[in-house]
Amino acid sequence: MQLRQDAPVKDAALPKVVVWEAFDVTDPVTQAAAKLYEETLTADERIPWMWIEQSVQDRAKSKPRPGGWSRHLLLAAPEGRQDDPGALAGYVYGALLPGYGGYLCYVGVAEWARRMGVGRRLYDQFFKVLRVDAGELGEGLPFVIWESHRPDPLADAKDWDNWTARTKLFDKVDGLWVDG
């Protein structure tokens, strides 16, 4: 993680965040991602975790079929703690849809790791991975869609705080809001 020149002195102690792709569903850190997934997304926002696990297993077995979606689960942790399930700082899951673009399905950052640049680091690495996938197909990556929705107007403050954090992160990675 690189710190901005104008970052407060206290930020100098922030650890470097490492991002890698999960290829083993039995890895304790990948299993910790399942828990973080459920903690960071409401039930109506997520698919069954076993579907994500299946994508990880399929990816580990072979390269995606030509024309098939190329799915990725990326994980983040402080440098030197990538084997520690308790140090899992965040995850991102999504895919390249050949002939179309990217689709970022889910992203989550552990409560303790927020405001440390983890979300931005996950987005940046996810975009790089999709560019490589597209390049292997002889395509460019014209865009990445991240579908999200505002909480219900009567939702509790925690849901609205989460929404605010999501939109701030999206702004930091130069996202555009399309409504409708």
N, C-alpha and C. Protein backbone atom coordinates (compact mmCIF):
# COMPACT_ATOMS: atom_id res chain seq x y z
N MET A 1 0.85 -1.15 0.00
CA MET A 1 0.00 0.00 0.00
C MET A 1 0.90 1.23 0.00
N GLN A 2 0.62 2.16 -0.85
CA GLN A 2 1.37 3.40 -0.86
C GLN A 2 0.53 4.46 -0.18
N LEU A 3 1.19 5.26 0.64
CA LEU A 3 0.50 6.32 1.34
C LEU A 3 0.63 7.61 0.57
N ARG A 4 -0.40 8.41 0.58
CA ARG A 4 -0.34 9.72 -0.06
C ARG A 4 0.62 10.60 0.72
N GLN A 5 1.19 11.55 0.03
CA GLN A 5 2.13 12.48 0.67
C GLN A 5 1.47 13.25 1.82
N ASP A 6 0.19 13.56 1.68
CA ASP A 6 -0.47 14.36 2.70
C ASP A 6 -1.15 13.52 3.77
N ALA A 7 -0.86 12.20 3.81
CA ALA A 7 -1.48 11.33 4.80
C ALA A 7 -0.98 11.70 6.20
N PRO A 8 -1.83 11.61 7.20
CA PRO A 8 -1.40 11.90 8.57
C PRO A 8 -0.27 10.96 9.00
N VAL A 9 0.54 11.40 9.92
CA VAL A 9 1.68 10.62 10.39
C VAL A 9 1.24 9.26 10.92
N LYS A 10 0.10 9.19 11.59
CA LYS A 10 -0.35 7.92 12.16
C LYS A 10 -0.54 6.86 11.08
N ASP A 11 -0.82 7.24 9.83
CA ASP A 11 -1.01 6.28 8.75
C ASP A 11 0.28 5.60 8.34
N ALA A 12 1.43 6.15 8.72
CA ALA A 12 2.71 5.56 8.35
C ALA A 12 2.86 4.16 8.93
N ALA A 13 2.11 3.82 9.97
CA ALA A 13 2.21 2.50 10.59
C ALA A 13 1.32 1.46 9.91
N LEU A 14 0.54 1.85 8.92
CA LEU A 14 -0.34 0.90 8.26
C LEU A 14 0.48 -0.15 7.54
N PRO A 15 0.05 -1.41 7.64
CA PRO A 15 0.79 -2.48 6.96
C PRO A 15 0.53 -2.46 5.45
N LYS A 16 1.48 -3.01 4.71
CA LYS A 16 1.28 -3.20 3.27
C LYS A 16 0.23 -4.29 3.11
N VAL A 17 -0.71 -4.09 2.20
CA VAL A 17 -1.77 -5.05 1.95
C VAL A 17 -1.40 -5.89 0.73
N VAL A 18 -1.47 -7.19 0.87
CA VAL A 18 -1.16 -8.13 -0.20
C VAL A 18 -2.47 -8.72 -0.70
N VAL A 19 -2.61 -8.82 -2.02
CA VAL A 19 -3.82 -9.40 -2.62
C VAL A 19 -3.39 -10.60 -3.46
N TRP A 20 -4.11 -11.70 -3.35
CA TRP A 20 -3.82 -12.91 -4.11
C TRP A 20 -5.12 -13.61 -4.46
N GLU A 21 -5.03 -14.54 -5.41
CA GLU A 21 -6.21 -15.28 -5.83
C GLU A 21 -6.33 -16.58 -5.05
N ALA A 22 -7.53 -16.91 -4.63
CA ALA A 22 -7.80 -18.16 -3.92
C ALA A 22 -7.96 -19.28 -4.94
N PHE A 23 -7.27 -20.40 -4.68
CA PHE A 23 -7.38 -21.58 -5.54
C PHE A 23 -7.71 -22.84 -4.76
N ASP A 24 -7.83 -22.75 -3.45
CA ASP A 24 -8.05 -23.92 -2.60
C ASP A 24 -9.18 -23.63 -1.62
N VAL A 25 -10.32 -24.28 -1.82
CA VAL A 25 -11.46 -24.02 -0.93
C VAL A 25 -11.25 -24.59 0.47
N THR A 26 -10.28 -25.49 0.64
CA THR A 26 -10.01 -26.04 1.97
C THR A 26 -9.02 -25.19 2.75
N ASP A 27 -8.41 -24.20 2.11
CA ASP A 27 -7.48 -23.30 2.79
C ASP A 27 -8.26 -22.54 3.87
N PRO A 28 -7.75 -22.51 5.10
CA PRO A 28 -8.44 -21.80 6.18
C PRO A 28 -8.71 -20.32 5.88
N VAL A 29 -7.84 -19.69 5.09
CA VAL A 29 -8.07 -18.28 4.75
C VAL A 29 -9.24 -18.16 3.78
N THR A 30 -9.35 -19.08 2.83
CA THR A 30 -10.50 -19.09 1.92
C THR A 30 -11.77 -19.35 2.72
N GLN A 31 -11.70 -20.24 3.68
CA GLN A 31 -12.86 -20.51 4.53
C GLN A 31 -13.22 -19.29 5.38
N ALA A 32 -12.22 -18.52 5.80
CA ALA A 32 -12.48 -17.29 6.54
C ALA A 32 -13.20 -16.28 5.65
N ALA A 33 -12.92 -16.34 4.34
CA ALA A 33 -13.60 -15.44 3.40
C ALA A 33 -15.10 -15.71 3.39
N ALA A 34 -15.50 -16.96 3.56
CA ALA A 34 -16.93 -17.29 3.61
C ALA A 34 -17.60 -16.57 4.78
N LYS A 35 -16.94 -16.56 5.91
CA LYS A 35 -17.49 -15.88 7.10
C LYS A 35 -17.56 -14.37 6.87
N LEU A 36 -16.48 -13.81 6.31
CA LEU A 36 -16.45 -12.38 6.04
C LEU A 36 -17.51 -12.00 5.02
N TYR A 37 -17.73 -12.85 4.04
CA TYR A 37 -18.76 -12.66 3.01
C TYR A 37 -20.13 -12.50 3.69
N GLU A 38 -20.42 -13.38 4.63
CA GLU A 38 -21.71 -13.31 5.32
C GLU A 38 -21.80 -12.12 6.26
N GLU A 39 -20.67 -11.68 6.80
CA GLU A 39 -20.66 -10.52 7.70
C GLU A 39 -20.81 -9.20 6.96
N THR A 40 -20.35 -9.15 5.71
CA THR A 40 -20.32 -7.88 4.99
C THR A 40 -21.47 -7.70 4.01
N LEU A 41 -22.23 -8.74 3.77
CA LEU A 41 -23.37 -8.63 2.86
C LEU A 41 -24.62 -9.18 3.52
N THR A 42 -25.74 -8.52 3.30
CA THR A 42 -27.00 -9.04 3.82
C THR A 42 -27.42 -10.26 3.00
N ALA A 43 -28.24 -11.09 3.59
CA ALA A 43 -28.64 -12.35 2.94
C ALA A 43 -29.25 -12.11 1.55
N ASP A 44 -30.01 -11.03 1.39
CA ASP A 44 -30.65 -10.79 0.09
C ASP A 44 -29.68 -10.25 -0.97
N GLU A 45 -28.43 -9.95 -0.57
CA GLU A 45 -27.43 -9.45 -1.52
C GLU A 45 -26.50 -10.54 -2.02
N ARG A 46 -26.53 -11.71 -1.43
CA ARG A 46 -25.52 -12.71 -1.76
C ARG A 46 -26.11 -14.01 -2.30
N ILE A 47 -25.25 -14.72 -3.04
CA ILE A 47 -25.59 -16.06 -3.52
C ILE A 47 -25.05 -17.06 -2.49
N PRO A 48 -25.44 -18.32 -2.58
CA PRO A 48 -24.86 -19.30 -1.65
C PRO A 48 -23.34 -19.37 -1.82
N TRP A 49 -22.60 -19.37 -0.73
CA TRP A 49 -21.14 -19.40 -0.77
C TRP A 49 -20.63 -20.61 -1.56
N MET A 50 -21.36 -21.73 -1.50
CA MET A 50 -20.90 -22.93 -2.22
C MET A 50 -20.77 -22.67 -3.72
N TRP A 51 -21.51 -21.72 -4.27
CA TRP A 51 -21.37 -21.40 -5.69
C TRP A 51 -20.02 -20.71 -5.94
N ILE A 52 -19.62 -19.87 -5.02
CA ILE A 52 -18.31 -19.22 -5.13
C ILE A 52 -17.21 -20.27 -4.96
N GLU A 53 -17.39 -21.15 -3.97
CA GLU A 53 -16.42 -22.24 -3.80
C GLU A 53 -16.28 -23.07 -5.07
N GLN A 54 -17.40 -23.34 -5.73
CA GLN A 54 -17.35 -24.13 -6.97
C GLN A 54 -16.54 -23.40 -8.04
N SER A 55 -16.69 -22.09 -8.11
CA SER A 55 -15.90 -21.30 -9.06
C SER A 55 -14.41 -21.40 -8.76
N VAL A 56 -14.07 -21.36 -7.47
CA VAL A 56 -12.66 -21.48 -7.07
C VAL A 56 -12.13 -22.86 -7.45
N GLN A 57 -12.91 -23.91 -7.19
CA GLN A 57 -12.49 -25.27 -7.54
C GLN A 57 -12.34 -25.42 -9.05
N ASP A 58 -13.29 -24.89 -9.80
CA ASP A 58 -13.23 -24.99 -11.26
C ASP A 58 -12.01 -24.26 -11.79
N ARG A 59 -11.71 -23.10 -11.24
CA ARG A 59 -10.57 -22.31 -11.69
C ARG A 59 -9.26 -23.04 -11.40
N ALA A 60 -9.19 -23.72 -10.26
CA ALA A 60 -7.97 -24.44 -9.89
C ALA A 60 -7.74 -25.66 -10.77
N LYS A 61 -8.82 -26.26 -11.29
CA LYS A 61 -8.70 -27.47 -12.10
C LYS A 61 -8.22 -27.19 -13.52
N SER A 62 -8.72 -26.11 -14.11
CA SER A 62 -8.38 -25.87 -15.51
C SER A 62 -8.64 -24.41 -15.86
N LYS A 63 -8.11 -24.02 -17.00
CA LYS A 63 -8.37 -22.68 -17.51
C LYS A 63 -9.83 -22.63 -18.00
N PRO A 64 -10.44 -21.46 -17.95
CA PRO A 64 -11.83 -21.35 -18.42
C PRO A 64 -11.95 -21.72 -19.90
N ARG A 65 -13.09 -22.24 -20.26
CA ARG A 65 -13.36 -22.58 -21.66
C ARG A 65 -13.43 -21.31 -22.49
N PRO A 66 -13.01 -21.38 -23.76
CA PRO A 66 -13.15 -20.21 -24.62
C PRO A 66 -14.61 -19.74 -24.64
N GLY A 67 -14.81 -18.48 -24.43
CA GLY A 67 -16.16 -17.92 -24.42
C GLY A 67 -16.84 -18.02 -23.07
N GLY A 68 -16.26 -18.79 -22.13
CA GLY A 68 -16.86 -18.94 -20.81
C GLY A 68 -16.43 -17.83 -19.86
N TRP A 69 -17.19 -17.63 -18.83
CA TRP A 69 -16.85 -16.63 -17.83
C TRP A 69 -15.56 -17.04 -17.14
N SER A 70 -14.75 -16.07 -16.80
CA SER A 70 -13.52 -16.31 -16.06
C SER A 70 -13.71 -15.69 -14.68
N ARG A 71 -14.02 -16.56 -13.69
CA ARG A 71 -14.35 -16.10 -12.34
C ARG A 71 -13.12 -16.07 -11.44
N HIS A 72 -13.10 -15.11 -10.52
CA HIS A 72 -11.97 -14.96 -9.61
C HIS A 72 -12.44 -14.57 -8.21
N LEU A 73 -11.83 -15.19 -7.21
CA LEU A 73 -11.99 -14.78 -5.82
C LEU A 73 -10.62 -14.30 -5.36
N LEU A 74 -10.50 -13.01 -5.10
CA LEU A 74 -9.26 -12.43 -4.62
C LEU A 74 -9.39 -12.13 -3.14
N LEU A 75 -8.32 -12.36 -2.40
CA LEU A 75 -8.29 -12.14 -0.96
C LEU A 75 -7.20 -11.13 -0.62
N ALA A 76 -7.34 -10.46 0.52
CA ALA A 76 -6.36 -9.46 0.94
C ALA A 76 -6.05 -9.65 2.42
N ALA A 77 -4.77 -9.42 2.75
CA ALA A 77 -4.32 -9.48 4.14
C ALA A 77 -3.06 -8.64 4.27
N PRO A 78 -2.73 -8.24 5.50
CA PRO A 78 -1.46 -7.54 5.69
C PRO A 78 -0.29 -8.44 5.27
N GLU A 79 0.75 -7.82 4.71
CA GLU A 79 1.92 -8.57 4.27
C GLU A 79 2.49 -9.40 5.42
N GLY A 80 2.82 -10.65 5.10
CA GLY A 80 3.37 -11.56 6.10
C GLY A 80 2.32 -12.32 6.88
N ARG A 81 1.05 -12.00 6.65
CA ARG A 81 -0.03 -12.67 7.40
C ARG A 81 -1.03 -13.35 6.47
N GLN A 82 -0.59 -13.66 5.24
CA GLN A 82 -1.50 -14.24 4.26
C GLN A 82 -1.98 -15.64 4.65
N ASP A 83 -1.32 -16.31 5.58
CA ASP A 83 -1.73 -17.65 6.01
C ASP A 83 -2.58 -17.62 7.27
N ASP A 84 -2.88 -16.45 7.77
CA ASP A 84 -3.61 -16.29 9.03
C ASP A 84 -5.07 -15.94 8.74
N PRO A 85 -5.99 -16.88 8.98
CA PRO A 85 -7.41 -16.58 8.71
C PRO A 85 -7.92 -15.35 9.47
N GLY A 86 -7.37 -15.10 10.65
CA GLY A 86 -7.79 -13.94 11.43
C GLY A 86 -7.31 -12.62 10.86
N ALA A 87 -6.37 -12.70 9.93
CA ALA A 87 -5.82 -11.48 9.31
C ALA A 87 -6.49 -11.16 7.98
N LEU A 88 -7.46 -11.97 7.56
CA LEU A 88 -8.13 -11.69 6.29
C LEU A 88 -8.77 -10.31 6.36
N ALA A 89 -8.32 -9.43 5.51
CA ALA A 89 -8.78 -8.04 5.53
C ALA A 89 -9.93 -7.80 4.57
N GLY A 90 -10.03 -8.61 3.50
CA GLY A 90 -11.10 -8.38 2.54
C GLY A 90 -11.08 -9.39 1.42
N TYR A 91 -12.09 -9.29 0.56
CA TYR A 91 -12.24 -10.18 -0.58
C TYR A 91 -12.94 -9.42 -1.70
N VAL A 92 -12.77 -9.92 -2.90
CA VAL A 92 -13.56 -9.45 -4.04
C VAL A 92 -13.81 -10.67 -4.93
N TYR A 93 -15.01 -10.76 -5.48
CA TYR A 93 -15.37 -11.87 -6.35
C TYR A 93 -16.09 -11.31 -7.57
N GLY A 94 -15.70 -11.82 -8.72
CA GLY A 94 -16.35 -11.39 -9.95
C GLY A 94 -15.80 -12.15 -11.13
N ALA A 95 -16.13 -11.65 -12.34
CA ALA A 95 -15.79 -12.41 -13.54
C ALA A 95 -15.62 -11.50 -14.75
N LEU A 96 -14.89 -12.04 -15.72
CA LEU A 96 -14.85 -11.45 -17.05
C LEU A 96 -15.90 -12.17 -17.87
N LEU A 97 -16.74 -11.41 -18.55
CA LEU A 97 -17.73 -11.97 -19.46
C LEU A 97 -17.22 -11.69 -20.87
N PRO A 98 -16.65 -12.71 -21.54
CA PRO A 98 -16.05 -12.49 -22.86
C PRO A 98 -17.02 -11.80 -23.82
N GLY A 99 -16.47 -10.86 -24.59
CA GLY A 99 -17.27 -10.13 -25.56
C GLY A 99 -18.13 -9.04 -24.93
N TYR A 100 -18.00 -8.86 -23.63
CA TYR A 100 -18.83 -7.86 -22.95
C TYR A 100 -17.96 -6.96 -22.07
N GLY A 101 -17.56 -7.45 -20.91
CA GLY A 101 -16.77 -6.66 -19.97
C GLY A 101 -16.65 -7.39 -18.66
N GLY A 102 -16.33 -6.67 -17.60
CA GLY A 102 -16.17 -7.28 -16.30
C GLY A 102 -17.40 -7.10 -15.43
N TYR A 103 -17.54 -8.00 -14.48
CA TYR A 103 -18.65 -7.93 -13.54
C TYR A 103 -18.10 -8.21 -12.15
N LEU A 104 -18.05 -7.19 -11.31
CA LEU A 104 -17.63 -7.32 -9.94
C LEU A 104 -18.89 -7.64 -9.13
N CYS A 105 -18.95 -8.85 -8.64
CA CYS A 105 -20.17 -9.30 -7.96
C CYS A 105 -20.21 -8.89 -6.49
N TYR A 106 -19.11 -9.16 -5.77
CA TYR A 106 -19.12 -8.94 -4.33
C TYR A 106 -17.77 -8.42 -3.87
N VAL A 107 -17.80 -7.51 -2.93
CA VAL A 107 -16.58 -7.00 -2.30
C VAL A 107 -16.91 -6.75 -0.84
N GLY A 108 -15.96 -7.08 0.03
CA GLY A 108 -16.16 -6.83 1.45
C GLY A 108 -14.83 -6.63 2.14
N VAL A 109 -14.84 -5.77 3.12
CA VAL A 109 -13.65 -5.48 3.92
C VAL A 109 -14.00 -5.67 5.39
N ALA A 110 -13.12 -6.35 6.10
CA ALA A 110 -13.33 -6.58 7.54
C ALA A 110 -13.43 -5.24 8.26
N GLU A 111 -14.24 -5.21 9.28
CA GLU A 111 -14.44 -3.97 10.04
C GLU A 111 -13.12 -3.38 10.53
N TRP A 112 -12.24 -4.21 11.02
CA TRP A 112 -10.96 -3.73 11.57
C TRP A 112 -10.03 -3.17 10.49
N ALA A 113 -10.27 -3.54 9.22
CA ALA A 113 -9.37 -3.15 8.13
C ALA A 113 -9.90 -1.98 7.30
N ARG A 114 -11.01 -1.42 7.71
CA ARG A 114 -11.58 -0.31 6.93
C ARG A 114 -10.73 0.95 7.09
N ARG A 115 -10.76 1.77 6.05
CA ARG A 115 -9.99 3.01 5.99
C ARG A 115 -8.49 2.76 5.97
N MET A 116 -8.09 1.57 5.49
CA MET A 116 -6.67 1.24 5.35
C MET A 116 -6.28 1.06 3.88
N GLY A 117 -7.21 1.30 2.96
CA GLY A 117 -6.91 1.13 1.54
C GLY A 117 -7.14 -0.27 1.01
N VAL A 118 -7.72 -1.15 1.82
CA VAL A 118 -7.93 -2.54 1.42
C VAL A 118 -8.90 -2.63 0.25
N GLY A 119 -10.03 -1.96 0.35
CA GLY A 119 -11.02 -2.01 -0.73
C GLY A 119 -10.44 -1.52 -2.05
N ARG A 120 -9.75 -0.42 -2.00
CA ARG A 120 -9.15 0.12 -3.23
C ARG A 120 -8.12 -0.85 -3.80
N ARG A 121 -7.32 -1.45 -2.94
CA ARG A 121 -6.31 -2.42 -3.38
C ARG A 121 -6.99 -3.62 -4.05
N LEU A 122 -8.09 -4.09 -3.47
CA LEU A 122 -8.83 -5.21 -4.06
C LEU A 122 -9.38 -4.84 -5.44
N TYR A 123 -10.00 -3.68 -5.54
CA TYR A 123 -10.51 -3.22 -6.84
C TYR A 123 -9.39 -3.16 -7.87
N ASP A 124 -8.28 -2.50 -7.50
CA ASP A 124 -7.17 -2.34 -8.45
C ASP A 124 -6.67 -3.68 -8.95
N GLN A 125 -6.49 -4.64 -8.05
CA GLN A 125 -5.99 -5.95 -8.46
C GLN A 125 -7.02 -6.70 -9.29
N PHE A 126 -8.29 -6.56 -8.93
CA PHE A 126 -9.35 -7.22 -9.70
C PHE A 126 -9.36 -6.70 -11.14
N PHE A 127 -9.24 -5.38 -11.29
CA PHE A 127 -9.20 -4.80 -12.64
C PHE A 127 -8.01 -5.35 -13.42
N LYS A 128 -6.85 -5.49 -12.78
CA LYS A 128 -5.67 -6.04 -13.46
C LYS A 128 -5.90 -7.47 -13.91
N VAL A 129 -6.48 -8.28 -13.04
CA VAL A 129 -6.74 -9.69 -13.37
C VAL A 129 -7.69 -9.78 -14.57
N LEU A 130 -8.73 -8.95 -14.57
CA LEU A 130 -9.67 -8.99 -15.70
C LEU A 130 -9.02 -8.51 -17.00
N ARG A 131 -8.14 -7.52 -16.91
CA ARG A 131 -7.42 -7.07 -18.12
C ARG A 131 -6.58 -8.20 -18.71
N VAL A 132 -5.93 -8.97 -17.84
CA VAL A 132 -5.14 -10.12 -18.30
C VAL A 132 -6.06 -11.14 -18.98
N ASP A 133 -7.19 -11.47 -18.34
CA ASP A 133 -8.15 -12.41 -18.93
C ASP A 133 -8.59 -11.93 -20.31
N ALA A 134 -8.96 -10.66 -20.40
CA ALA A 134 -9.43 -10.10 -21.67
C ALA A 134 -8.30 -10.15 -22.71
N GLY A 135 -7.09 -9.81 -22.30
CA GLY A 135 -5.95 -9.85 -23.21
C GLY A 135 -5.70 -11.24 -23.75
N GLU A 136 -5.86 -12.26 -22.92
CA GLU A 136 -5.68 -13.64 -23.37
C GLU A 136 -6.69 -14.01 -24.44
N LEU A 137 -7.82 -13.32 -24.46
CA LEU A 137 -8.85 -13.57 -25.47
C LEU A 137 -8.72 -12.63 -26.66
N GLY A 138 -7.71 -11.77 -26.61
CA GLY A 138 -7.54 -10.78 -27.69
C GLY A 138 -8.54 -9.66 -27.61
N GLU A 139 -9.06 -9.41 -26.42
CA GLU A 139 -10.06 -8.36 -26.21
C GLU A 139 -9.49 -7.29 -25.27
N GLY A 140 -10.15 -6.17 -25.24
CA GLY A 140 -9.88 -5.16 -24.23
C GLY A 140 -10.87 -5.32 -23.10
N LEU A 141 -10.70 -4.53 -22.08
CA LEU A 141 -11.65 -4.51 -20.97
C LEU A 141 -12.32 -3.14 -20.97
N PRO A 142 -13.48 -3.02 -21.64
CA PRO A 142 -14.10 -1.71 -21.78
C PRO A 142 -14.66 -1.13 -20.49
N PHE A 143 -15.09 -1.99 -19.57
CA PHE A 143 -15.68 -1.53 -18.32
C PHE A 143 -15.83 -2.71 -17.37
N VAL A 144 -16.07 -2.38 -16.10
CA VAL A 144 -16.42 -3.36 -15.09
C VAL A 144 -17.66 -2.83 -14.39
N ILE A 145 -18.67 -3.63 -14.34
CA ILE A 145 -19.92 -3.27 -13.68
C ILE A 145 -19.88 -3.78 -12.24
N TRP A 146 -20.29 -2.94 -11.32
CA TRP A 146 -20.51 -3.37 -9.95
C TRP A 146 -21.94 -3.00 -9.62
N GLU A 147 -22.76 -4.01 -9.46
CA GLU A 147 -24.17 -3.77 -9.16
C GLU A 147 -24.36 -3.64 -7.66
N SER A 148 -25.02 -2.59 -7.27
CA SER A 148 -25.33 -2.38 -5.87
C SER A 148 -26.63 -1.57 -5.80
N HIS A 149 -27.21 -1.50 -4.65
CA HIS A 149 -28.44 -0.72 -4.50
C HIS A 149 -28.44 -0.01 -3.15
N ARG A 150 -29.13 1.10 -3.14
CA ARG A 150 -29.27 1.85 -1.89
C ARG A 150 -30.11 1.04 -0.91
N PRO A 151 -29.83 1.20 0.36
CA PRO A 151 -30.68 0.54 1.35
C PRO A 151 -32.09 1.13 1.33
N ASP A 152 -32.98 0.41 1.88
CA ASP A 152 -34.34 0.89 2.06
C ASP A 152 -34.29 2.18 2.88
N PRO A 153 -35.14 3.16 2.55
CA PRO A 153 -35.11 4.41 3.32
C PRO A 153 -35.28 4.21 4.82
N LEU A 154 -35.93 3.13 5.23
CA LEU A 154 -36.15 2.87 6.66
C LEU A 154 -35.10 1.94 7.26
N ALA A 155 -34.06 1.60 6.49
CA ALA A 155 -33.00 0.71 6.98
C ALA A 155 -32.28 1.35 8.14
N ASP A 156 -31.64 0.51 8.95
CA ASP A 156 -30.93 1.05 10.12
C ASP A 156 -29.64 1.77 9.70
N ALA A 157 -29.07 2.48 10.65
CA ALA A 157 -27.88 3.30 10.38
C ALA A 157 -26.71 2.46 9.88
N LYS A 158 -26.57 1.22 10.35
CA LYS A 158 -25.46 0.36 9.92
C LYS A 158 -25.53 0.11 8.41
N ASP A 159 -26.73 -0.15 7.89
CA ASP A 159 -26.90 -0.36 6.44
C ASP A 159 -26.54 0.89 5.66
N TRP A 160 -26.94 2.05 6.15
CA TRP A 160 -26.64 3.31 5.47
C TRP A 160 -25.15 3.64 5.55
N ASP A 161 -24.52 3.34 6.68
CA ASP A 161 -23.08 3.55 6.82
C ASP A 161 -22.32 2.67 5.83
N ASN A 162 -22.77 1.42 5.69
CA ASN A 162 -22.15 0.50 4.74
C ASN A 162 -22.30 1.03 3.31
N TRP A 163 -23.48 1.51 2.98
CA TRP A 163 -23.72 2.08 1.66
C TRP A 163 -22.81 3.28 1.40
N THR A 164 -22.68 4.14 2.38
CA THR A 164 -21.82 5.32 2.25
C THR A 164 -20.37 4.90 2.01
N ALA A 165 -19.91 3.90 2.76
CA ALA A 165 -18.54 3.40 2.57
C ALA A 165 -18.37 2.81 1.17
N ARG A 166 -19.36 2.08 0.69
CA ARG A 166 -19.28 1.49 -0.65
C ARG A 166 -19.18 2.57 -1.72
N THR A 167 -20.02 3.58 -1.63
CA THR A 167 -20.00 4.61 -2.66
C THR A 167 -18.73 5.45 -2.60
N LYS A 168 -18.18 5.66 -1.41
CA LYS A 168 -16.90 6.37 -1.30
C LYS A 168 -15.79 5.57 -1.97
N LEU A 169 -15.79 4.27 -1.73
CA LEU A 169 -14.79 3.40 -2.38
C LEU A 169 -14.95 3.44 -3.89
N PHE A 170 -16.18 3.36 -4.35
CA PHE A 170 -16.44 3.39 -5.79
C PHE A 170 -15.93 4.70 -6.38
N ASP A 171 -16.14 5.80 -5.69
CA ASP A 171 -15.61 7.09 -6.16
C ASP A 171 -14.08 7.07 -6.25
N LYS A 172 -13.43 6.44 -5.27
CA LYS A 172 -11.96 6.39 -5.25
C LYS A 172 -11.38 5.62 -6.42
N VAL A 173 -12.14 4.68 -6.97
CA VAL A 173 -11.64 3.90 -8.11
C VAL A 173 -12.24 4.42 -9.42
N ASP A 174 -12.71 5.67 -9.39
CA ASP A 174 -13.24 6.37 -10.58
C ASP A 174 -14.49 5.71 -11.15
N GLY A 175 -15.32 5.18 -10.29
CA GLY A 175 -16.57 4.58 -10.73
C GLY A 175 -17.59 5.65 -11.11
N LEU A 176 -18.50 5.25 -11.97
CA LEU A 176 -19.60 6.12 -12.38
C LEU A 176 -20.90 5.49 -11.94
N TRP A 177 -21.83 6.29 -11.47
CA TRP A 177 -23.13 5.80 -11.04
C TRP A 177 -24.10 5.85 -12.22
N VAL A 178 -24.72 4.71 -12.50
CA VAL A 178 -25.75 4.62 -13.53
C VAL A 178 -27.01 4.16 -12.84
N ASP A 179 -28.06 4.93 -12.94
CA ASP A 179 -29.29 4.60 -12.25
C ASP A 179 -30.35 4.20 -13.27
N GLY A 180 -31.13 3.19 -12.91
CA GLY A 180 -32.25 2.81 -13.78
C GLY A 180 -32.06 1.47 -14.39
